[in-house]
Amino acid sequence: MRILAVLMTISISLVALTGCSMQRGEKGKGEDFAKKDKETKELIVPVEAQLPERGNISSYFETSTRIEAEVKVDISSKSTARCLQVFVDEGDIVTAGMVLAELDKDEAQANYNQSAVQARQNENSYKLAKRQHDQGLGAKMDMDDAKFIYDQSLATLETQKIQLDNLTIKAPIDGIITSRAIQPGMLVSSGVIVYSMMDPNSYILAINPPEKELSRLKIGQKAKVTVDAIPGKTFKASIRRINPSVDPLTGTIKVVLDFEDMDRSLLRESAFTRVKLVMATMNNVILIPKESIVEDNGQQYVYALEAREAKEVTDDAEEEKDEKKESDPAVKIEVVDAAEEDTEAVPEVVEAVWTAKRVKISTGLEDNEMVQVFMGLKDDMQIVVNGQHSLKDGAGVKITSMESEIDDTASLTADEALAKAKEKREQGGEDDESKGGGRHRKF
C-alpha cells in the first residue's frame, strides 16, 4: 500500500507539471497572436467625401480699381469780385445753365452802362454822317470814320456784357456738385476753382490688364463687379473701349468698362471696386472643390473611394479581459468544461469602410472655389474633400463629417483626447506591410 501511494503521488505531480507547462505554452502563443494582431491592425481614417458636380465655370482676370466719372469739370471764376450769394452745395443735382453763385456786379454794371451810352452816341454820329453822304453834303471818309467808331463802341459794349455775365457762376453741364470752395463775402479771384461737378451717367471703370491678355479682350466682354461700399450686390459691366496702344512703362493696356444704366444711381465716384473680367467660360463640366486636390511632383491627384465589405471581428473588450487573466500570475488555473473551450467568441460587425484610391486628374478652368476636371474623374466617383492630405493610396477610410467628429470627442477629457490622438499617430506610423493585414480572431 505504501508503494502504491508513492506512485500515485508521483503521477499527480507529473500531471500538474505537464498542465502548467501546457498553460505556459498556450499563454506564450496567445501573447504572440495578440502582438501580431496589434501590429497588423489597420488604421481607418475619417474623411469627408462628396460626388463631383456638373455646372458652368469661368476663368477671370481679377483686379481692383475705383469708379471714375468720365465727364467731370472744375468750375472757376472768370472775374475778380466779392461773392454775394451761393445757391447750391455739395451733393446737389444741377442742370446746365443753372446759377450756382452770384458775385458783386456793381462795378461791372456801371462800366457796361457807360459803354452802352457811348455806343448809342456813336450810333447817332454814324447815322448823321451816312445821311449827309447820301445827300451829297458829306465826304465818304467822314462816314467811314463814324462807322468805325460806332463798331468799336459796340465791341466794347459786348466785352462789358461778357464781364458782367461772368459774375454769375453757372453750371456748364448736367450733374452733381462734388465740391464747393466759395462762400458769401469771399473775395474770388479770376481763375480760382469754386466748384467741381461730374455727370453720374458717365461712371466707368478703367482697368489695366497685362499686354499678354490683349488677344483675349474684345468689345462687349462681360465683367462682375463688387463695390466695398455696397456689400452683397454684384454689378455687371462690359468693355466699351480698348486702348490700341500698350503703356511702355507698365506693359499694360487701358480698358474702359461701362455699367448698366439701371445701376448707375447706386454708385459713387471713387468708390473702391473689385473687378472679375470673364476671359473664358465652359458649360456643363465636372467640377470639384479646389481643396480636394493633392499635388505631388507637379501632378494633381484626388482620392476616390471604393466600397469595401464589412468585416466580423471578436469583441475587443472581452479579448483584453482574457489577456489580463492569462497574464496575471495570481489567477488560479481552473478546469474548464470541454464544451466551453470549443465555443467561439461572439463576433461583432464593424461599420463598412472604404478604400481610398489615388487618381491622377487633369484640370482646366478654375475660380475661387471650384476647378474643372476634364480627365480622370467620372460623375459617380466619390472623392475625398477633407482629410485627403493624411491618406495613402489604398488606405482604409470611413465617411464622416466635421460635426460628427466633434460630437464623438465632445465627451472626452483632455487626457483622453490626447491619448486617442497619440494612438492614431502610432498607428499611422506603421509601415505599409503592417497596414495591409486585417484583424485576427484570437483563440
Protein backbone atom coordinates (compact mmCIF):
# COMPACT_ATOMS: atom_id res chain seq x y z
CA MET A 1 0.00 0.00 0.00
CA ARG A 2 2.82 2.38 0.84
CA ILE A 3 4.41 1.79 -2.59
CA LEU A 4 1.04 2.40 -4.34
CA ALA A 5 0.59 5.69 -2.50
CA VAL A 6 4.07 6.87 -3.52
CA LEU A 7 3.38 6.01 -7.19
CA MET A 8 0.06 7.89 -7.16
CA THR A 9 1.75 10.97 -5.66
CA ILE A 10 4.42 10.92 -8.39
CA SER A 11 1.76 10.60 -11.11
CA ILE A 12 -0.26 13.51 -9.80
CA SER A 13 2.86 15.66 -9.64
CA LEU A 14 3.74 14.84 -13.23
CA VAL A 15 0.23 15.68 -14.41
CA ALA A 16 0.36 19.01 -12.58
CA LEU A 17 3.75 19.89 -14.06
CA THR A 18 2.56 18.92 -17.52
CA GLY A 19 -0.56 21.07 -17.17
CA CYS A 20 1.43 24.08 -16.03
CA SER A 21 3.81 23.67 -18.95
CA MET A 22 0.90 23.49 -21.39
CA GLN A 23 -0.68 26.55 -19.83
CA ARG A 24 2.57 28.49 -20.20
CA GLY A 25 2.88 27.40 -23.82
CA GLU A 26 -0.66 28.44 -24.62
CA LYS A 27 -0.06 31.73 -22.87
CA GLY A 28 3.05 32.47 -24.93
CA LYS A 29 1.24 31.58 -28.11
CA GLY A 30 -1.63 33.91 -27.19
CA GLU A 31 0.76 36.74 -26.44
CA ASP A 32 2.40 36.29 -29.84
CA PHE A 33 -1.00 36.39 -31.54
CA ALA A 34 -2.04 39.47 -29.60
CA LYS A 35 1.20 41.19 -30.50
CA LYS A 36 0.81 40.28 -34.16
CA ASP A 37 -2.81 41.45 -34.13
CA LYS A 38 -1.82 44.78 -32.68
CA GLU A 39 0.91 45.21 -35.28
CA THR A 40 -1.40 44.36 -38.19
CA LYS A 41 -4.38 46.40 -37.03
CA GLU A 42 -5.37 48.75 -39.88
CA LEU A 43 -5.84 52.48 -39.32
CA ILE A 44 -9.25 53.67 -40.54
CA VAL A 45 -9.07 57.37 -41.37
CA PRO A 46 -12.21 59.53 -41.03
CA VAL A 47 -12.76 61.76 -44.09
CA GLU A 48 -15.40 63.91 -45.70
CA ALA A 49 -16.43 62.97 -49.23
CA GLN A 50 -18.80 64.08 -51.97
CA LEU A 51 -19.64 63.47 -55.62
CA PRO A 52 -18.32 65.81 -58.34
CA GLU A 53 -20.71 68.49 -59.53
CA ARG A 54 -21.90 69.41 -63.01
CA GLY A 55 -22.07 73.07 -63.85
CA ASN A 56 -20.63 76.10 -65.62
CA ILE A 57 -17.31 77.70 -64.76
CA SER A 58 -15.44 80.76 -65.97
CA SER A 59 -11.88 81.97 -65.75
CA TYR A 60 -11.34 85.58 -64.80
CA PHE A 61 -8.83 88.36 -64.89
CA GLU A 62 -9.18 89.85 -61.43
CA THR A 63 -8.12 93.32 -60.40
CA SER A 64 -9.24 96.27 -58.30
CA THR A 65 -9.86 99.87 -59.23
CA ARG A 66 -12.02 102.86 -58.39
CA ILE A 67 -15.11 104.19 -60.10
CA GLU A 68 -14.47 107.21 -62.28
CA ALA A 69 -16.77 109.78 -63.84
CA GLU A 70 -15.71 110.18 -67.44
CA VAL A 71 -17.45 113.57 -67.60
CA LYS A 72 -16.36 115.87 -64.79
CA VAL A 73 -15.40 119.54 -64.68
CA ASP A 74 -13.87 122.13 -62.39
CA ILE A 75 -15.71 125.45 -62.41
CA SER A 76 -13.52 128.51 -61.91
CA SER A 77 -14.34 132.20 -61.60
CA LYS A 78 -13.71 134.25 -64.73
CA SER A 79 -13.67 137.59 -62.91
CA THR A 80 -12.40 139.06 -59.68
CA ALA A 81 -15.16 140.17 -57.30
CA ARG A 82 -16.68 139.53 -53.91
CA CYS A 83 -19.19 136.67 -53.56
CA LEU A 84 -22.68 137.84 -52.69
CA GLN A 85 -24.74 134.64 -52.70
CA VAL A 86 -24.32 130.84 -53.04
CA PHE A 87 -27.24 128.79 -54.36
CA VAL A 88 -26.01 125.16 -54.35
CA ASP A 89 -23.87 122.95 -52.17
CA GLU A 90 -22.07 119.60 -52.41
CA GLY A 91 -24.34 116.76 -53.47
CA ASP A 92 -26.90 118.98 -55.20
CA ILE A 93 -28.11 117.89 -58.62
CA VAL A 94 -27.91 120.70 -61.17
CA THR A 95 -28.66 121.21 -64.84
CA ALA A 96 -26.62 123.01 -67.48
CA GLY A 97 -27.04 126.81 -67.19
CA MET A 98 -28.30 126.72 -63.60
CA VAL A 99 -26.99 129.61 -61.43
CA LEU A 100 -24.58 128.37 -58.76
CA ALA A 101 -23.38 131.65 -57.20
CA GLU A 102 -23.53 135.42 -57.71
CA LEU A 103 -20.58 137.83 -57.44
CA ASP A 104 -20.69 141.60 -56.92
CA LYS A 105 -21.73 143.23 -60.21
CA ASP A 106 -21.87 146.94 -59.30
CA GLU A 107 -18.62 147.98 -60.93
CA ALA A 108 -19.10 145.78 -63.96
CA GLN A 109 -22.67 147.00 -64.37
CA ALA A 110 -21.51 150.64 -64.27
CA ASN A 111 -18.88 150.00 -66.91
CA TYR A 112 -21.48 148.28 -69.07
CA ASN A 113 -23.91 151.16 -68.75
CA GLN A 114 -21.20 153.65 -69.68
CA SER A 115 -20.24 151.60 -72.72
CA ALA A 116 -23.88 151.38 -73.72
CA VAL A 117 -24.26 155.21 -73.62
CA GLN A 118 -21.13 155.66 -75.68
CA ALA A 119 -22.35 153.11 -78.19
CA ARG A 120 -25.65 154.96 -78.65
CA GLN A 121 -23.82 158.26 -79.14
CA ASN A 122 -21.52 156.76 -81.74
CA GLU A 123 -24.52 155.20 -83.46
CA ASN A 124 -26.15 158.62 -83.86
CA SER A 125 -22.92 160.11 -85.24
CA TYR A 126 -22.66 157.34 -87.78
CA LYS A 127 -26.29 157.76 -88.89
CA LEU A 128 -25.77 161.52 -89.37
CA ALA A 129 -22.59 161.04 -91.41
CA LYS A 130 -24.31 158.45 -93.56
CA ARG A 131 -27.32 160.74 -94.25
CA GLN A 132 -25.05 163.61 -95.23
CA HIS A 133 -23.08 161.34 -97.51
CA ASP A 134 -26.25 160.06 -99.13
CA GLN A 135 -27.40 163.65 -99.73
CA GLY A 136 -24.03 164.65 -101.18
CA LEU A 137 -23.29 167.01 -98.35
CA GLY A 138 -20.59 164.96 -96.61
CA ALA A 139 -17.46 163.10 -97.60
CA LYS A 140 -17.30 159.32 -97.70
CA MET A 141 -14.28 159.37 -95.39
CA ASP A 142 -16.30 161.06 -92.65
CA MET A 143 -18.96 158.40 -92.94
CA ASP A 144 -16.39 155.60 -92.78
CA ASP A 145 -14.74 157.11 -89.69
CA ALA A 146 -18.07 157.39 -87.92
CA LYS A 147 -18.85 153.76 -88.83
CA PHE A 148 -15.52 152.60 -87.41
CA ILE A 149 -16.04 154.45 -84.11
CA TYR A 150 -19.54 153.03 -83.79
CA ASP A 151 -18.37 149.45 -84.42
CA GLN A 152 -15.63 149.87 -81.84
CA SER A 153 -18.09 151.01 -79.22
CA LEU A 154 -20.30 148.00 -79.94
CA ALA A 155 -17.32 145.68 -79.40
CA THR A 156 -16.53 147.40 -76.12
CA LEU A 157 -20.16 147.03 -75.06
CA GLU A 158 -20.07 143.32 -75.88
CA THR A 159 -16.92 142.89 -73.78
CA GLN A 160 -18.56 144.66 -70.88
CA LYS A 161 -21.59 142.39 -71.25
CA ILE A 162 -19.43 139.27 -71.08
CA GLN A 163 -17.61 140.54 -67.99
CA LEU A 164 -20.96 141.27 -66.36
CA ASP A 165 -22.27 137.78 -67.17
CA ASN A 166 -19.11 136.16 -65.79
CA LEU A 167 -20.01 137.45 -62.36
CA THR A 168 -22.88 134.96 -62.37
CA ILE A 169 -21.38 131.46 -61.97
CA LYS A 170 -23.40 128.83 -63.84
CA ALA A 171 -23.27 125.05 -64.26
CA PRO A 172 -21.69 124.06 -67.59
CA ILE A 173 -23.22 120.53 -67.67
CA ASP A 174 -25.89 118.40 -66.05
CA GLY A 175 -24.59 116.59 -62.99
CA ILE A 176 -23.88 116.61 -59.26
CA ILE A 177 -21.82 119.12 -57.31
CA THR A 178 -18.90 117.24 -55.75
CA SER A 179 -17.08 120.12 -54.04
CA ARG A 180 -17.62 123.79 -53.18
CA ALA A 181 -14.83 126.27 -52.42
CA ILE A 182 -16.80 129.51 -52.29
CA GLN A 183 -18.91 131.23 -49.66
CA PRO A 184 -20.68 134.58 -49.29
CA GLY A 185 -18.37 137.54 -48.54
CA MET A 186 -15.35 135.77 -50.01
CA LEU A 187 -13.21 137.71 -52.48
CA VAL A 188 -12.94 135.47 -55.50
CA SER A 189 -10.03 135.89 -57.89
CA SER A 190 -10.14 135.16 -61.57
CA GLY A 191 -9.10 131.56 -62.34
CA VAL A 192 -9.82 130.19 -58.84
CA ILE A 193 -11.80 126.91 -58.81
CA VAL A 194 -15.02 127.47 -56.88
CA TYR A 195 -16.99 124.28 -57.74
CA SER A 196 -16.34 120.77 -59.01
CA MET A 197 -19.04 118.62 -60.53
CA MET A 198 -19.46 115.42 -62.52
CA ASP A 199 -22.07 113.56 -64.55
CA PRO A 200 -23.15 110.34 -62.74
CA ASN A 201 -24.36 108.91 -66.04
CA SER A 202 -20.75 108.75 -67.16
CA TYR A 203 -19.46 106.36 -64.47
CA ILE A 204 -16.85 103.99 -65.85
CA LEU A 205 -14.22 101.52 -64.67
CA ALA A 206 -10.72 101.77 -66.05
CA ILE A 207 -8.62 98.63 -65.64
CA ASN A 208 -5.16 97.72 -66.90
CA PRO A 209 -4.74 94.09 -67.96
CA PRO A 210 -1.23 92.95 -68.97
CA GLU A 211 -0.43 93.05 -72.66
CA LYS A 212 -0.38 89.22 -72.86
CA GLU A 213 -4.19 89.32 -72.43
CA LEU A 214 -4.70 91.58 -75.46
CA SER A 215 -5.71 88.73 -77.76
CA ARG A 216 -8.45 87.66 -75.31
CA LEU A 217 -10.02 91.12 -74.97
CA LYS A 218 -12.97 92.24 -77.08
CA ILE A 219 -15.68 94.91 -77.08
CA GLY A 220 -18.74 93.83 -75.09
CA GLN A 221 -16.84 91.35 -72.89
CA LYS A 222 -18.61 90.95 -69.54
CA ALA A 223 -17.30 91.54 -66.04
CA LYS A 224 -18.59 91.06 -62.50
CA VAL A 225 -18.02 93.99 -60.17
CA THR A 226 -18.38 94.23 -56.41
CA VAL A 227 -18.24 97.53 -54.53
CA ASP A 228 -16.91 97.56 -50.98
CA ALA A 229 -19.39 100.28 -50.04
CA ILE A 230 -22.33 98.14 -51.26
CA PRO A 231 -21.79 94.65 -49.77
CA GLY A 232 -23.82 91.72 -51.02
CA LYS A 233 -24.51 93.09 -54.50
CA THR A 234 -22.74 92.19 -57.73
CA PHE A 235 -22.86 94.68 -60.60
CA LYS A 236 -22.49 93.89 -64.28
CA ALA A 237 -20.18 95.78 -66.61
CA SER A 238 -18.94 95.37 -70.17
CA ILE A 239 -15.96 96.55 -72.16
CA ARG A 240 -16.68 99.70 -74.22
CA ARG A 241 -13.20 100.77 -75.25
CA ILE A 242 -9.79 99.10 -75.55
CA ASN A 243 -6.80 101.38 -75.91
CA PRO A 244 -4.90 100.32 -79.04
CA SER A 245 -1.50 101.04 -77.52
CA VAL A 246 0.47 99.40 -74.71
CA ASP A 247 1.87 101.52 -71.91
CA PRO A 248 5.65 101.10 -72.34
CA LEU A 249 6.32 101.78 -68.65
CA THR A 250 3.89 99.25 -67.16
CA GLY A 251 3.31 96.83 -70.06
CA THR A 252 -0.46 97.12 -69.60
CA ILE A 253 -3.47 98.12 -71.72
CA LYS A 254 -6.10 100.60 -70.64
CA VAL A 255 -9.57 99.07 -70.87
CA VAL A 256 -12.76 101.04 -70.13
CA LEU A 257 -15.88 99.27 -68.87
CA ASP A 258 -19.42 100.65 -68.68
CA PHE A 259 -22.03 99.88 -66.01
CA GLU A 260 -25.63 99.10 -66.81
CA ASP A 261 -27.86 102.20 -66.80
CA MET A 262 -30.12 100.87 -64.03
CA ASP A 263 -27.20 100.57 -61.62
CA ARG A 264 -25.61 103.99 -62.04
CA SER A 265 -27.81 105.67 -59.42
CA LEU A 266 -26.41 103.31 -56.75
CA LEU A 267 -22.77 104.09 -57.48
CA ARG A 268 -20.46 106.75 -56.12
CA GLU A 269 -17.40 108.32 -57.68
CA SER A 270 -14.04 106.96 -56.47
CA ALA A 271 -15.68 104.02 -54.68
CA PHE A 272 -13.30 101.04 -54.40
CA THR A 273 -14.29 98.08 -56.58
CA ARG A 274 -13.12 94.54 -57.29
CA VAL A 275 -13.42 93.52 -60.93
CA LYS A 276 -13.61 89.98 -62.34
CA LEU A 277 -13.38 90.16 -66.12
CA VAL A 278 -14.67 86.96 -67.73
CA MET A 279 -11.94 85.60 -70.01
CA ALA A 280 -13.44 82.16 -70.86
CA THR A 281 -16.49 80.06 -69.93
CA MET A 282 -17.13 76.28 -70.02
CA ASN A 283 -20.65 74.87 -69.66
CA ASN A 284 -21.86 71.57 -68.12
CA VAL A 285 -18.45 70.31 -66.99
CA ILE A 286 -17.28 68.25 -64.00
CA LEU A 287 -16.40 70.49 -61.07
CA ILE A 288 -14.66 69.63 -57.77
CA PRO A 289 -13.56 71.78 -54.80
CA LYS A 290 -10.05 73.16 -55.13
CA GLU A 291 -9.09 71.94 -51.65
CA SER A 292 -9.75 68.31 -52.63
CA ILE A 293 -6.72 68.29 -54.97
CA VAL A 294 -3.37 66.91 -53.78
CA GLU A 295 -0.25 67.87 -55.72
CA ASP A 296 2.81 65.63 -55.96
CA ASN A 297 5.83 66.27 -58.20
CA GLY A 298 3.90 68.67 -60.37
CA GLN A 299 0.99 66.25 -60.86
CA GLN A 300 -2.53 66.66 -59.50
CA TYR A 301 -4.44 63.87 -57.77
CA VAL A 302 -7.63 63.24 -55.86
CA TYR A 303 -8.60 60.31 -53.65
CA ALA A 304 -11.59 58.40 -54.98
CA LEU A 305 -13.47 55.97 -52.70
CA GLU A 306 -14.16 52.31 -53.45
CA ALA A 307 -16.61 50.40 -51.28
CA ARG A 308 -15.22 47.68 -49.01
CA GLU A 309 -17.21 44.85 -47.43
CA ALA A 310 -17.87 44.93 -43.70
CA LYS A 311 -15.72 42.62 -41.52
CA GLU A 312 -16.53 40.48 -38.47
CA VAL A 313 -14.16 40.65 -35.51
CA THR A 314 -14.29 39.50 -31.87
CA ASP A 315 -15.22 41.84 -29.12
CA ASP A 316 -12.03 43.71 -28.15
CA ALA A 317 -13.20 44.27 -24.59
CA GLU A 318 -13.61 40.52 -23.95
CA GLU A 319 -10.23 39.79 -25.57
CA GLU A 320 -8.45 42.33 -23.37
CA LYS A 321 -10.15 40.84 -20.32
CA ASP A 322 -8.97 37.31 -21.25
CA GLU A 323 -5.43 38.56 -21.91
CA LYS A 324 -5.35 40.18 -18.48
CA LYS A 325 -6.45 36.96 -16.81
CA GLU A 326 -3.82 34.93 -18.64
CA SER A 327 -1.01 37.34 -17.78
CA ASP A 328 -1.94 37.65 -14.08
CA PRO A 329 0.01 35.05 -12.01
CA ALA A 330 -2.41 35.42 -9.12
CA VAL A 331 -5.25 33.89 -11.12
CA LYS A 332 -5.66 30.19 -10.35
CA ILE A 333 -5.79 27.60 -13.11
CA GLU A 334 -9.32 26.33 -13.38
CA VAL A 335 -10.57 23.19 -15.11
CA VAL A 336 -12.97 24.32 -17.90
CA ASP A 337 -15.66 22.24 -19.46
CA ALA A 338 -14.71 20.95 -22.91
CA ALA A 339 -17.91 22.39 -24.35
CA GLU A 340 -16.92 25.85 -23.16
CA GLU A 341 -13.42 25.51 -24.69
CA ASP A 342 -14.88 24.84 -28.14
CA THR A 343 -17.23 27.84 -28.00
CA GLU A 344 -16.05 30.74 -30.19
CA ALA A 345 -16.24 34.38 -29.14
CA VAL A 346 -19.34 36.25 -30.27
CA PRO A 347 -18.49 38.14 -33.45
CA GLU A 348 -19.04 41.87 -33.73
CA VAL A 349 -19.89 43.51 -37.08
CA VAL A 350 -17.96 46.74 -37.64
CA GLU A 351 -19.17 49.53 -39.92
CA ALA A 352 -18.37 49.24 -43.62
CA VAL A 353 -15.30 51.24 -44.65
CA TRP A 354 -13.96 52.45 -47.97
CA THR A 355 -10.65 52.18 -49.75
CA ALA A 356 -9.06 55.43 -50.92
CA LYS A 357 -7.52 55.17 -54.39
CA ARG A 358 -5.27 57.95 -55.63
CA VAL A 359 -6.47 59.10 -59.07
CA LYS A 360 -4.49 61.35 -61.41
CA ILE A 361 -6.55 64.16 -62.90
CA SER A 362 -6.18 66.94 -65.47
CA THR A 363 -7.77 70.28 -64.67
CA GLY A 364 -8.93 73.25 -66.71
CA LEU A 365 -10.66 76.45 -65.70
CA GLU A 366 -10.91 77.41 -62.05
CA ASP A 367 -12.43 80.09 -59.88
CA ASN A 368 -12.08 80.87 -56.19
CA GLU A 369 -13.71 77.61 -55.05
CA MET A 370 -14.13 75.10 -57.88
CA VAL A 371 -11.92 73.51 -60.55
CA GLN A 372 -12.90 71.95 -63.87
CA VAL A 373 -11.71 68.34 -64.32
CA PHE A 374 -11.65 67.17 -67.94
CA MET A 375 -9.74 63.91 -67.46
CA GLY A 376 -9.54 61.29 -64.70
CA LEU A 377 -12.94 61.58 -62.99
CA LYS A 378 -16.49 60.42 -63.62
CA ASP A 379 -19.72 61.82 -62.23
CA ASP A 380 -20.32 58.80 -59.95
CA MET A 381 -16.84 58.73 -58.38
CA GLN A 382 -16.99 59.85 -54.77
CA ILE A 383 -13.93 61.90 -53.81
CA VAL A 384 -12.38 62.97 -50.51
CA VAL A 385 -12.73 66.69 -49.85
CA ASN A 386 -11.42 66.83 -46.28
CA GLY A 387 -8.71 64.65 -44.76
CA GLN A 388 -7.03 63.71 -48.04
CA HIS A 389 -3.61 65.06 -47.06
CA SER A 390 -3.16 62.30 -44.45
CA LEU A 391 -4.07 59.47 -46.85
CA LYS A 392 -2.01 56.98 -48.83
CA ASP A 393 -3.08 55.01 -51.84
CA GLY A 394 -5.14 52.02 -50.67
CA ALA A 395 -5.77 53.37 -47.18
CA GLY A 396 -8.97 52.43 -45.38
CA VAL A 397 -11.32 55.29 -44.64
CA LYS A 398 -14.74 55.92 -43.21
CA ILE A 399 -17.01 58.73 -44.33
CA THR A 400 -17.87 61.22 -41.63
CA SER A 401 -18.21 64.94 -41.15
CA MET A 402 -16.54 67.56 -39.04
CA GLU A 403 -19.67 67.86 -36.91
CA SER A 404 -19.70 64.10 -36.22
CA GLU A 405 -16.03 64.08 -35.22
CA ILE A 406 -16.60 66.98 -32.85
CA ASP A 407 -19.59 65.20 -31.29
CA ASP A 408 -17.55 61.99 -30.84
CA THR A 409 -14.79 63.78 -28.93
CA ALA A 410 -17.01 66.21 -27.02
CA SER A 411 -17.37 63.85 -24.04
CA LEU A 412 -13.63 63.07 -23.77
CA THR A 413 -11.41 64.72 -21.23
CA ALA A 414 -8.25 66.48 -22.34
CA ASP A 415 -6.09 63.49 -21.32
CA GLU A 416 -8.36 61.06 -23.14
CA ALA A 417 -8.31 63.18 -26.27
CA LEU A 418 -4.50 63.35 -26.18
CA ALA A 419 -4.26 59.59 -25.66
CA LYS A 420 -6.59 58.96 -28.60
CA ALA A 421 -4.59 61.26 -30.84
CA LYS A 422 -1.34 59.58 -29.77
CA GLU A 423 -2.79 56.16 -30.60
CA LYS A 424 -3.76 57.34 -34.07
CA ARG A 425 -0.27 58.72 -34.67
CA GLU A 426 1.32 55.46 -33.58
CA GLN A 427 -0.97 53.52 -35.88
CA GLY A 428 -0.27 55.93 -38.69
CA GLY A 429 3.48 55.36 -38.26
CA GLU A 430 3.24 51.67 -39.13
CA ASP A 431 4.74 50.55 -42.42
CA ASP A 432 2.61 49.55 -45.39
CA GLU A 433 3.10 45.83 -44.72
CA SER A 434 1.61 46.01 -41.24
CA LYS A 435 -1.21 48.20 -42.52
CA GLY A 436 -2.18 45.65 -45.09
CA GLY A 437 -3.26 42.95 -42.58
CA GLY A 438 -6.78 42.64 -41.22
CA ARG A 439 -7.92 41.79 -37.73
CA HIS A 440 -7.35 38.23 -36.40
CA ARG A 441 -9.55 36.15 -34.20
CA LYS A 442 -7.81 35.01 -31.02
CA PHE A 443 -8.05 31.52 -29.66
